[in-house]
Amino acid sequence: MHYPPRLAGVSRTLALVFWAVASVCSPARADRVPIRVVRVIDGDTVVARWSGRKVHVRLLGVDTPERARDGRPAEPFSRRATEFTRAWLGRADRVDLEVAGDRVDVHGRILGFLWLHVPGKKEPINLSEELLKAGLGRAIRFFDYPGRERFLALEAEARRAHRGIWGTGRGRRTR
């Protein structure tokens, strides 16, 4: 079919958009898309390539100690949380991003879960859960998200076992 020049451009653009969305979504579950992590900023924030764009992703459900910035010193365990995230990402053959709803934080970062496909593991691993199990973060409490109750339970278990930030004192972040 022959379209007038103006409509032909629109139809080509729509076809390209449809193809890009289909190609991004098809290799993984419909709610997860493959991304390529290019930089770890801290334990709960990464920079990734997604559909040809650079995006900042903030892990959903976990808050890790903050790195030094704006004249403030790093919080205890921030380096360990960052290294932990970097190490898990280094083991993964593929990383998928699951965005829960239309979530973007006040800094413009996409809020989502990173699912790591690690050789030898049957199922993908949720990085947020691993940080909580290791005691390298706190479960987010101030809004609802998928898996919230599980995340709270993982934090409670890390507290009981005195792992990571829960290892000394009463949950104070030390070393």
Protein backbone atom coordinates (compact mmCIF):
# COMPACT_ATOMS: atom_id res chain seq x y z
CA MET A 1 0.00 0.00 0.00
CA HIS A 2 1.28 3.46 -0.84
CA TYR A 3 0.87 6.19 1.80
CA PRO A 4 1.19 9.93 1.32
CA PRO A 5 4.75 10.99 2.35
CA ARG A 6 3.64 12.37 5.72
CA LEU A 7 1.76 9.18 6.69
CA ALA A 8 4.52 6.94 5.35
CA GLY A 9 6.94 8.47 7.83
CA VAL A 10 4.47 8.00 10.69
CA SER A 11 3.82 4.39 9.70
CA ARG A 12 7.56 3.63 9.48
CA THR A 13 8.11 5.26 12.87
CA LEU A 14 5.30 3.24 14.45
CA ALA A 15 6.69 0.05 12.93
CA LEU A 16 10.16 0.81 14.31
CA VAL A 17 8.73 1.53 17.76
CA PHE A 18 6.71 -1.69 17.69
CA TRP A 19 9.77 -3.68 16.56
CA ALA A 20 11.98 -2.12 19.28
CA VAL A 21 9.47 -2.88 22.02
CA ALA A 22 8.91 -6.43 20.76
CA SER A 23 12.63 -7.14 20.47
CA VAL A 24 13.34 -5.81 23.95
CA CYS A 25 10.48 -7.68 25.61
CA SER A 26 10.56 -11.01 23.82
CA PRO A 27 13.70 -12.64 25.32
CA ALA A 28 12.45 -12.37 28.90
CA ARG A 29 9.17 -12.47 30.77
CA ALA A 30 6.73 -9.83 29.59
CA ASP A 31 7.30 -7.75 32.74
CA ARG A 32 11.10 -7.95 32.54
CA VAL A 33 13.44 -6.54 29.92
CA PRO A 34 17.12 -7.26 29.39
CA ILE A 35 19.52 -4.43 30.18
CA ARG A 36 23.29 -4.02 30.19
CA VAL A 37 24.69 -2.54 33.39
CA VAL A 38 27.56 -0.21 32.53
CA ARG A 39 28.33 1.23 35.98
CA VAL A 40 27.61 0.58 39.64
CA ILE A 41 27.12 3.87 41.47
CA ASP A 42 26.50 2.37 44.91
CA GLY A 43 24.85 -0.66 46.46
CA ASP A 44 21.36 0.20 45.24
CA THR A 45 21.93 2.32 42.11
CA VAL A 46 23.34 1.41 38.70
CA VAL A 47 23.63 2.97 35.27
CA ALA A 48 22.43 0.73 32.45
CA ARG A 49 21.79 0.66 28.71
CA TRP A 50 18.17 -0.07 27.91
CA SER A 51 16.86 0.10 24.35
CA GLY A 52 19.87 2.16 23.31
CA ARG A 53 19.41 4.71 26.10
CA LYS A 54 21.46 5.25 29.23
CA VAL A 55 19.23 5.05 32.32
CA HIS A 56 19.79 5.21 36.05
CA VAL A 57 18.14 2.35 37.93
CA ARG A 58 17.43 2.47 41.66
CA LEU A 59 16.83 -0.97 43.17
CA LEU A 60 13.32 -1.29 44.48
CA GLY A 61 12.68 -2.55 48.00
CA VAL A 62 16.12 -1.96 49.51
CA ASP A 63 18.07 1.02 50.81
CA THR A 64 21.83 0.50 51.13
CA PRO A 65 24.27 2.77 53.01
CA GLU A 66 25.09 5.97 51.12
CA ARG A 67 28.47 6.67 49.55
CA ALA A 68 30.41 9.86 50.30
CA ARG A 69 29.14 12.90 48.41
CA ASP A 70 28.47 16.61 48.76
CA GLY A 71 31.00 16.88 51.59
CA ARG A 72 29.35 14.12 53.63
CA PRO A 73 31.36 11.03 54.56
CA ALA A 74 30.32 7.59 53.36
CA GLU A 75 28.00 5.69 55.65
CA PRO A 76 29.47 2.55 57.18
CA PHE A 77 29.12 -0.52 54.94
CA SER A 78 28.58 1.61 51.80
CA ARG A 79 31.74 0.25 50.17
CA ARG A 80 30.81 -3.35 51.04
CA ALA A 81 27.30 -2.90 49.61
CA THR A 82 28.73 -1.41 46.40
CA GLU A 83 31.29 -4.21 46.04
CA PHE A 84 28.58 -6.80 46.75
CA THR A 85 26.39 -5.39 43.97
CA ARG A 86 29.34 -5.21 41.57
CA ALA A 87 30.33 -8.82 42.36
CA TRP A 88 26.82 -10.22 41.78
CA LEU A 89 26.49 -8.29 38.51
CA GLY A 90 29.89 -9.64 37.43
CA ARG A 91 28.66 -13.22 37.90
CA ALA A 92 25.52 -12.73 35.79
CA ASP A 93 25.29 -13.83 32.16
CA ARG A 94 22.24 -11.63 31.72
CA VAL A 95 20.48 -8.93 33.75
CA ASP A 96 16.77 -8.22 33.44
CA LEU A 97 14.99 -5.14 34.74
CA GLU A 98 11.51 -5.48 36.19
CA VAL A 99 9.80 -2.13 36.61
CA ALA A 100 6.95 -2.27 39.09
CA GLY A 101 4.36 0.15 37.71
CA ASP A 102 5.26 3.66 36.58
CA ARG A 103 7.87 4.20 39.24
CA VAL A 104 10.47 6.91 38.91
CA ASP A 105 11.99 8.54 41.99
CA VAL A 106 12.55 12.24 42.66
CA HIS A 107 16.00 12.00 41.06
CA GLY A 108 14.59 10.62 37.79
CA ARG A 109 15.86 7.08 38.40
CA ILE A 110 13.78 4.11 37.33
CA LEU A 111 12.69 2.07 40.35
CA GLY A 112 12.82 -1.64 39.68
CA PHE A 113 14.18 -5.06 40.48
CA LEU A 114 17.32 -6.43 38.83
CA TRP A 115 17.05 -10.15 38.04
CA LEU A 116 20.42 -11.81 37.55
CA HIS A 117 20.82 -14.92 35.41
CA VAL A 118 23.78 -16.61 37.08
CA PRO A 119 25.38 -19.80 35.72
CA GLY A 120 24.53 -22.78 37.89
CA LYS A 121 21.32 -21.21 39.26
CA LYS A 122 18.01 -22.53 37.92
CA GLU A 123 16.08 -19.32 38.54
CA PRO A 124 17.12 -15.67 38.18
CA ILE A 125 18.27 -14.00 41.41
CA ASN A 126 16.70 -10.80 42.72
CA LEU A 127 19.61 -8.49 43.65
CA SER A 128 17.52 -6.53 46.18
CA GLU A 129 16.79 -9.76 48.07
CA GLU A 130 20.48 -10.73 48.11
CA LEU A 131 21.47 -7.36 49.60
CA LEU A 132 18.88 -7.79 52.35
CA LYS A 133 19.95 -11.39 53.08
CA ALA A 134 23.56 -10.20 53.46
CA GLY A 135 22.49 -7.45 55.86
CA LEU A 136 23.75 -4.74 53.49
CA GLY A 137 20.54 -2.76 53.33
CA ARG A 138 17.22 -1.98 54.94
CA ALA A 139 13.87 -2.96 53.46
CA ILE A 140 11.87 0.00 52.16
CA ARG A 141 8.84 0.59 54.38
CA PHE A 142 7.26 3.87 53.28
CA PHE A 143 5.35 2.60 50.21
CA ASP A 144 3.97 -0.66 48.89
CA TYR A 145 5.71 -2.71 46.20
CA PRO A 146 5.66 -6.33 45.03
CA GLY A 147 7.36 -8.59 47.58
CA ARG A 148 7.36 -6.00 50.39
CA GLU A 149 6.44 -8.52 53.12
CA ARG A 150 9.17 -10.90 51.94
CA PHE A 151 11.73 -8.08 51.98
CA LEU A 152 10.76 -7.13 55.54
CA ALA A 153 11.17 -10.78 56.57
CA LEU A 154 14.61 -10.98 54.89
CA GLU A 155 15.73 -7.87 56.78
CA ALA A 156 14.43 -9.32 60.05
CA GLU A 157 16.39 -12.54 59.44
CA ALA A 158 19.60 -10.58 58.73
CA ARG A 159 19.03 -8.61 61.96
CA ARG A 160 18.57 -11.80 63.99
CA ALA A 161 21.74 -13.27 62.46
CA HIS A 162 23.68 -10.00 63.05
CA ARG A 163 24.79 -9.82 59.41
CA GLY A 164 26.24 -6.68 57.79
CA ILE A 165 24.86 -3.44 59.19
CA TRP A 166 23.10 -5.42 61.92
CA GLY A 167 26.36 -6.92 63.20
CA THR A 168 27.06 -4.43 65.97
CA GLY A 169 24.87 -2.40 68.25
CA ARG A 170 21.19 -1.96 67.59
CA GLY A 171 21.13 -1.70 63.83
CA ARG A 172 23.61 1.14 63.78
CA ARG A 173 25.55 1.27 60.58
CA THR A 174 29.13 0.66 61.56
CA ARG A 175 32.05 -0.34 59.39
